[in-house]
Amino acid sequence: MNSAVITKIEYRVFPEVNFSAFEIIPYSGKLSEDISETKAGNVYACVVDFNVAKSEQAKDTTLKSVLKRKAQFRVIDANNIVYLVGDENYPARLVYSRGIDGTPGSFNGYKCKINRKSPYAITIDT
């Protein structure tokens, strides 16, 4: 999949209807989708990597509330193309790691990853 850089990521945990936004570092994200053939058919594996700056309690609480839960993510790139990753039947899951390094110029924040496997490709929202 060839796309522009990610500028915004939103999430909703099922059965919620409304999306909420992560405070991501713009242009830090990457979306990829790989297709593999099995005897049962194609399997689409989607991975979204992104970073959230500045480790703090509010961001920690938000990420923990979504951690490993069934969710749908709306990934928006610089061309304003909206990718929907996950649905109620094949939800996506978020995992993250927090890094706090005391050296000047180092990354202080969260490295996040969204994973989803499905017999269907990700959806482009119109």
N, C-alpha and C. Protein backbone atom coordinates (compact mmCIF):
# COMPACT_ATOMS: atom_id res chain seq x y z
N MET A 1 0.84 -1.15 0.00
CA MET A 1 0.00 0.00 0.00
C MET A 1 0.90 1.23 0.00
N ASN A 2 0.62 2.15 -0.86
CA ASN A 2 1.38 3.39 -0.97
C ASN A 2 0.48 4.52 -0.53
N SER A 3 0.85 5.22 0.54
CA SER A 3 0.01 6.33 0.97
C SER A 3 0.89 7.45 1.50
N ALA A 4 0.28 8.59 1.68
CA ALA A 4 0.98 9.73 2.26
C ALA A 4 1.18 9.50 3.75
N VAL A 5 1.85 10.40 4.39
CA VAL A 5 2.13 10.25 5.82
C VAL A 5 0.88 10.44 6.66
N ILE A 6 0.86 9.82 7.82
CA ILE A 6 -0.29 9.86 8.71
C ILE A 6 -0.26 11.16 9.52
N THR A 7 -1.39 11.85 9.55
CA THR A 7 -1.47 13.10 10.30
C THR A 7 -2.40 13.02 11.50
N LYS A 8 -3.32 12.03 11.52
CA LYS A 8 -4.29 11.95 12.60
C LYS A 8 -4.76 10.52 12.77
N ILE A 9 -4.96 10.10 14.01
CA ILE A 9 -5.52 8.78 14.31
C ILE A 9 -6.60 8.94 15.36
N GLU A 10 -7.77 8.39 15.07
CA GLU A 10 -8.89 8.41 15.99
C GLU A 10 -9.29 6.98 16.32
N TYR A 11 -9.97 6.78 17.43
CA TYR A 11 -10.36 5.44 17.85
C TYR A 11 -11.76 5.44 18.45
N ARG A 12 -12.36 4.26 18.42
CA ARG A 12 -13.60 4.02 19.18
C ARG A 12 -13.58 2.57 19.63
N VAL A 13 -13.93 2.37 20.88
CA VAL A 13 -14.00 1.03 21.46
C VAL A 13 -15.45 0.59 21.36
N PHE A 14 -15.68 -0.60 20.84
CA PHE A 14 -17.05 -1.09 20.67
C PHE A 14 -17.69 -1.31 22.03
N PRO A 15 -18.94 -0.94 22.21
CA PRO A 15 -19.97 -0.55 21.26
C PRO A 15 -20.12 0.96 21.08
N GLU A 16 -19.14 1.76 21.46
CA GLU A 16 -19.24 3.21 21.28
C GLU A 16 -19.43 3.58 19.82
N VAL A 17 -20.07 4.72 19.58
CA VAL A 17 -20.35 5.18 18.23
C VAL A 17 -19.39 6.29 17.80
N ASN A 18 -19.04 7.17 18.72
CA ASN A 18 -18.20 8.33 18.39
C ASN A 18 -16.71 8.02 18.49
N PHE A 19 -15.93 8.67 17.64
CA PHE A 19 -14.48 8.52 17.63
C PHE A 19 -13.85 9.60 18.51
N SER A 20 -12.73 9.26 19.14
CA SER A 20 -11.91 10.20 19.91
C SER A 20 -10.52 10.18 19.29
N ALA A 21 -9.80 11.29 19.39
CA ALA A 21 -8.50 11.40 18.75
C ALA A 21 -7.36 11.15 19.73
N PHE A 22 -6.32 10.49 19.23
CA PHE A 22 -5.05 10.41 19.96
C PHE A 22 -4.26 11.68 19.65
N GLU A 23 -3.44 12.11 20.58
CA GLU A 23 -2.55 13.25 20.34
C GLU A 23 -1.24 12.69 19.79
N ILE A 24 -1.22 12.34 18.51
CA ILE A 24 -0.04 11.72 17.92
C ILE A 24 0.96 12.79 17.48
N ILE A 25 2.19 12.36 17.27
CA ILE A 25 3.18 13.22 16.65
C ILE A 25 2.89 13.17 15.16
N PRO A 26 2.48 14.28 14.56
CA PRO A 26 2.16 14.25 13.12
C PRO A 26 3.36 13.75 12.30
N TYR A 27 3.07 12.99 11.30
CA TYR A 27 4.06 12.43 10.38
C TYR A 27 4.93 11.36 11.03
N SER A 28 4.56 10.87 12.22
CA SER A 28 5.34 9.81 12.86
C SER A 28 4.78 8.43 12.55
N GLY A 29 3.63 8.37 11.88
CA GLY A 29 2.95 7.10 11.69
C GLY A 29 3.26 6.42 10.37
N LYS A 30 2.96 5.14 10.36
CA LYS A 30 3.14 4.32 9.16
C LYS A 30 2.02 3.29 9.13
N LEU A 31 1.36 3.15 7.99
CA LEU A 31 0.31 2.16 7.82
C LEU A 31 0.76 1.18 6.75
N SER A 32 0.65 -0.11 7.03
CA SER A 32 1.00 -1.12 6.03
C SER A 32 -0.01 -2.25 6.09
N GLU A 33 -0.22 -2.87 4.94
CA GLU A 33 -1.13 -4.00 4.84
C GLU A 33 -0.48 -5.06 3.97
N ASP A 34 -0.34 -6.25 4.53
CA ASP A 34 0.24 -7.38 3.81
C ASP A 34 -0.84 -8.43 3.57
N ILE A 35 -0.77 -9.07 2.42
CA ILE A 35 -1.74 -10.10 2.06
C ILE A 35 -1.02 -11.43 1.96
N SER A 36 -1.56 -12.44 2.63
CA SER A 36 -0.99 -13.78 2.51
C SER A 36 -2.10 -14.75 2.11
N GLU A 37 -1.72 -15.74 1.30
CA GLU A 37 -2.68 -16.75 0.85
C GLU A 37 -2.64 -17.95 1.77
N THR A 38 -3.83 -18.43 2.13
CA THR A 38 -3.94 -19.67 2.91
C THR A 38 -4.89 -20.59 2.16
N LYS A 39 -5.04 -21.81 2.63
CA LYS A 39 -5.98 -22.73 1.99
C LYS A 39 -7.42 -22.25 2.10
N ALA A 40 -7.68 -21.45 3.13
CA ALA A 40 -9.04 -20.93 3.34
C ALA A 40 -9.29 -19.63 2.59
N GLY A 41 -8.24 -19.03 2.02
CA GLY A 41 -8.39 -17.76 1.31
C GLY A 41 -7.34 -16.75 1.73
N ASN A 42 -7.52 -15.52 1.33
CA ASN A 42 -6.55 -14.47 1.66
C ASN A 42 -6.72 -14.00 3.10
N VAL A 43 -5.59 -13.64 3.73
CA VAL A 43 -5.60 -13.02 5.05
C VAL A 43 -4.87 -11.69 4.91
N TYR A 44 -5.54 -10.62 5.34
CA TYR A 44 -4.99 -9.27 5.28
C TYR A 44 -4.51 -8.89 6.67
N ALA A 45 -3.24 -8.60 6.79
CA ALA A 45 -2.65 -8.18 8.07
C ALA A 45 -2.30 -6.70 7.98
N CYS A 46 -2.94 -5.90 8.78
CA CYS A 46 -2.72 -4.46 8.78
C CYS A 46 -1.99 -4.07 10.07
N VAL A 47 -0.99 -3.21 9.92
CA VAL A 47 -0.23 -2.70 11.06
C VAL A 47 -0.12 -1.19 10.91
N VAL A 48 -0.42 -0.48 11.99
CA VAL A 48 -0.25 0.97 12.04
C VAL A 48 0.69 1.28 13.20
N ASP A 49 1.82 1.91 12.90
CA ASP A 49 2.78 2.34 13.92
C ASP A 49 2.71 3.85 14.03
N PHE A 50 2.73 4.37 15.26
CA PHE A 50 2.75 5.82 15.46
C PHE A 50 3.31 6.13 16.83
N ASN A 51 3.66 7.40 17.05
CA ASN A 51 4.22 7.84 18.31
C ASN A 51 3.34 8.91 18.94
N VAL A 52 3.29 8.88 20.27
CA VAL A 52 2.62 9.91 21.05
C VAL A 52 3.69 10.55 21.93
N ALA A 53 3.81 11.86 21.85
CA ALA A 53 4.87 12.56 22.58
C ALA A 53 4.49 12.80 24.03
N LYS A 54 5.49 12.97 24.84
CA LYS A 54 5.39 13.43 26.22
C LYS A 54 4.59 12.49 27.11
N SER A 55 5.28 11.70 27.87
CA SER A 55 4.67 10.79 28.82
C SER A 55 4.01 11.58 29.94
N GLU A 56 2.69 11.43 30.06
CA GLU A 56 1.95 12.11 31.13
C GLU A 56 0.71 11.33 31.49
N GLN A 57 0.13 11.63 32.64
CA GLN A 57 -0.98 10.85 33.19
C GLN A 57 -2.20 10.78 32.26
N ALA A 58 -2.61 11.88 31.66
CA ALA A 58 -3.81 11.89 30.81
C ALA A 58 -3.63 10.98 29.60
N LYS A 59 -2.45 11.04 28.97
CA LYS A 59 -2.19 10.19 27.80
C LYS A 59 -2.06 8.73 28.22
N ASP A 60 -1.48 8.49 29.38
CA ASP A 60 -1.35 7.14 29.91
C ASP A 60 -2.73 6.53 30.13
N THR A 61 -3.63 7.29 30.70
CA THR A 61 -5.00 6.83 30.97
C THR A 61 -5.73 6.53 29.66
N THR A 62 -5.59 7.41 28.66
CA THR A 62 -6.25 7.19 27.37
C THR A 62 -5.74 5.92 26.71
N LEU A 63 -4.43 5.75 26.64
CA LEU A 63 -3.87 4.56 25.99
C LEU A 63 -4.26 3.29 26.74
N LYS A 64 -4.25 3.31 28.06
CA LYS A 64 -4.63 2.14 28.84
C LYS A 64 -6.10 1.78 28.63
N SER A 65 -6.96 2.77 28.39
CA SER A 65 -8.38 2.50 28.18
C SER A 65 -8.64 1.78 26.86
N VAL A 66 -7.71 1.89 25.92
CA VAL A 66 -7.87 1.25 24.61
C VAL A 66 -7.02 -0.02 24.50
N LEU A 67 -6.05 -0.16 25.37
CA LEU A 67 -5.08 -1.25 25.32
C LEU A 67 -5.74 -2.62 25.15
N LYS A 68 -5.42 -3.29 24.06
CA LYS A 68 -5.85 -4.66 23.76
C LYS A 68 -7.36 -4.87 23.73
N ARG A 69 -8.12 -3.78 23.61
CA ARG A 69 -9.57 -3.91 23.53
C ARG A 69 -10.01 -3.93 22.07
N LYS A 70 -11.19 -4.47 21.82
CA LYS A 70 -11.75 -4.50 20.48
C LYS A 70 -12.11 -3.08 20.07
N ALA A 71 -11.49 -2.60 19.00
CA ALA A 71 -11.69 -1.21 18.61
C ALA A 71 -11.62 -1.04 17.10
N GLN A 72 -12.06 0.11 16.67
CA GLN A 72 -11.92 0.54 15.28
C GLN A 72 -11.12 1.83 15.28
N PHE A 73 -10.21 1.96 14.33
CA PHE A 73 -9.35 3.13 14.26
C PHE A 73 -9.55 3.82 12.92
N ARG A 74 -9.59 5.13 12.96
CA ARG A 74 -9.69 5.95 11.76
C ARG A 74 -8.33 6.61 11.57
N VAL A 75 -7.65 6.24 10.49
CA VAL A 75 -6.30 6.74 10.20
C VAL A 75 -6.41 7.70 9.02
N ILE A 76 -5.95 8.93 9.23
CA ILE A 76 -6.09 9.97 8.20
C ILE A 76 -4.70 10.38 7.75
N ASP A 77 -4.49 10.39 6.43
CA ASP A 77 -3.18 10.77 5.92
C ASP A 77 -3.17 12.21 5.43
N ALA A 78 -2.03 12.67 4.96
CA ALA A 78 -1.86 14.07 4.55
C ALA A 78 -2.71 14.43 3.33
N ASN A 79 -3.17 13.45 2.58
CA ASN A 79 -4.05 13.68 1.43
C ASN A 79 -5.52 13.65 1.83
N ASN A 80 -5.80 13.60 3.14
CA ASN A 80 -7.15 13.50 3.70
C ASN A 80 -7.88 12.22 3.29
N ILE A 81 -7.14 11.17 3.01
CA ILE A 81 -7.74 9.86 2.79
C ILE A 81 -7.92 9.21 4.16
N VAL A 82 -9.11 8.67 4.40
CA VAL A 82 -9.45 8.09 5.69
C VAL A 82 -9.50 6.57 5.55
N TYR A 83 -8.66 5.88 6.33
CA TYR A 83 -8.62 4.43 6.35
C TYR A 83 -9.28 3.95 7.63
N LEU A 84 -10.21 3.01 7.52
CA LEU A 84 -10.85 2.42 8.69
C LEU A 84 -10.20 1.07 8.96
N VAL A 85 -9.56 0.96 10.10
CA VAL A 85 -8.85 -0.26 10.48
C VAL A 85 -9.64 -0.92 11.60
N GLY A 86 -10.22 -2.06 11.29
CA GLY A 86 -11.02 -2.80 12.25
C GLY A 86 -12.50 -2.54 12.07
N ASP A 87 -13.30 -3.51 12.50
CA ASP A 87 -14.76 -3.39 12.53
C ASP A 87 -15.26 -4.31 13.63
N GLU A 88 -16.56 -4.40 13.80
CA GLU A 88 -17.10 -5.20 14.90
C GLU A 88 -16.78 -6.69 14.76
N ASN A 89 -16.74 -7.20 13.53
CA ASN A 89 -16.44 -8.61 13.32
C ASN A 89 -14.95 -8.92 13.38
N TYR A 90 -14.12 -8.00 12.91
CA TYR A 90 -12.66 -8.16 12.90
C TYR A 90 -12.03 -6.89 13.48
N PRO A 91 -12.09 -6.75 14.81
CA PRO A 91 -11.59 -5.52 15.43
C PRO A 91 -10.07 -5.44 15.39
N ALA A 92 -9.59 -4.24 15.58
CA ALA A 92 -8.14 -4.00 15.67
C ALA A 92 -7.79 -3.87 17.16
N ARG A 93 -6.51 -4.08 17.45
CA ARG A 93 -6.05 -3.99 18.84
C ARG A 93 -4.84 -3.08 18.92
N LEU A 94 -4.76 -2.33 20.00
CA LEU A 94 -3.66 -1.40 20.25
C LEU A 94 -2.75 -1.95 21.34
N VAL A 95 -1.44 -1.87 21.12
CA VAL A 95 -0.45 -2.12 22.16
C VAL A 95 0.53 -0.96 22.12
N TYR A 96 1.19 -0.71 23.24
CA TYR A 96 2.14 0.41 23.26
C TYR A 96 3.26 0.14 24.26
N SER A 97 4.33 0.88 24.12
CA SER A 97 5.40 0.88 25.11
C SER A 97 5.74 2.32 25.43
N ARG A 98 6.09 2.56 26.69
CA ARG A 98 6.42 3.91 27.13
C ARG A 98 7.92 3.98 27.32
N GLY A 99 8.52 5.06 26.82
CA GLY A 99 9.94 5.26 26.97
C GLY A 99 10.24 6.60 27.60
N ILE A 100 11.01 6.58 28.67
CA ILE A 100 11.45 7.81 29.30
C ILE A 100 12.96 7.68 29.44
N ASP A 101 13.67 8.50 28.70
CA ASP A 101 15.13 8.45 28.70
C ASP A 101 15.64 9.80 29.17
N GLY A 102 16.52 9.79 30.14
CA GLY A 102 17.00 11.03 30.74
C GLY A 102 18.07 11.76 29.97
N THR A 103 18.43 11.31 28.78
CA THR A 103 19.47 11.99 28.03
C THR A 103 18.87 13.08 27.15
N PRO A 104 19.59 14.20 26.97
CA PRO A 104 19.07 15.29 26.14
C PRO A 104 18.79 14.85 24.71
N GLY A 105 17.65 15.30 24.19
CA GLY A 105 17.28 15.00 22.81
C GLY A 105 16.68 13.63 22.59
N SER A 106 16.47 12.86 23.65
CA SER A 106 15.92 11.52 23.49
C SER A 106 14.39 11.56 23.44
N PHE A 107 13.78 10.46 23.03
CA PHE A 107 12.32 10.38 22.90
C PHE A 107 11.69 10.11 24.26
N ASN A 108 10.74 10.93 24.64
CA ASN A 108 10.00 10.77 25.89
C ASN A 108 8.53 10.65 25.52
N GLY A 109 8.06 9.44 25.39
CA GLY A 109 6.66 9.27 25.01
C GLY A 109 6.31 7.82 24.80
N TYR A 110 5.36 7.58 23.91
CA TYR A 110 4.82 6.25 23.69
C TYR A 110 5.02 5.83 22.23
N LYS A 111 5.44 4.60 22.04
CA LYS A 111 5.50 4.00 20.71
C LYS A 111 4.31 3.04 20.64
N CYS A 112 3.40 3.30 19.72
CA CYS A 112 2.14 2.57 19.65
C CYS A 112 2.05 1.75 18.37
N LYS A 113 1.31 0.63 18.47
CA LYS A 113 1.10 -0.23 17.31
C LYS A 113 -0.32 -0.75 17.34
N ILE A 114 -0.98 -0.65 16.19
CA ILE A 114 -2.33 -1.19 15.99
C ILE A 114 -2.18 -2.39 15.07
N ASN A 115 -2.79 -3.53 15.45
CA ASN A 115 -2.74 -4.75 14.65
C ASN A 115 -4.15 -5.22 14.32
N ARG A 116 -4.29 -5.76 13.10
CA ARG A 116 -5.57 -6.34 12.71
C ARG A 116 -5.33 -7.39 11.64
N LYS A 117 -5.95 -8.56 11.78
CA LYS A 117 -5.95 -9.60 10.74
C LYS A 117 -7.38 -9.90 10.39
N SER A 118 -7.61 -10.06 9.08
CA SER A 118 -8.98 -10.23 8.61
C SER A 118 -8.98 -10.86 7.22
N PRO A 119 -10.09 -11.47 6.83
CA PRO A 119 -10.21 -11.92 5.45
C PRO A 119 -10.55 -10.78 4.49
N TYR A 120 -10.67 -9.55 5.03
CA TYR A 120 -11.01 -8.38 4.22
C TYR A 120 -9.93 -7.31 4.34
N ALA A 121 -9.73 -6.59 3.26
CA ALA A 121 -8.77 -5.48 3.27
C ALA A 121 -9.33 -4.33 4.09
N ILE A 122 -8.45 -3.40 4.49
CA ILE A 122 -8.94 -2.23 5.22
C ILE A 122 -9.82 -1.39 4.30
N THR A 123 -10.71 -0.64 4.91
CA THR A 123 -11.68 0.14 4.18
C THR A 123 -11.21 1.58 4.03
N ILE A 124 -11.41 2.15 2.86
CA ILE A 124 -11.17 3.57 2.65
C ILE A 124 -12.53 4.25 2.76
N ASP A 125 -12.65 5.14 3.76
CA ASP A 125 -13.90 5.82 4.04
C ASP A 125 -14.09 6.97 3.07
N THR A 126 -15.27 7.09 2.52
CA THR A 126 -15.54 8.18 1.56
C THR A 126 -16.49 9.20 2.12
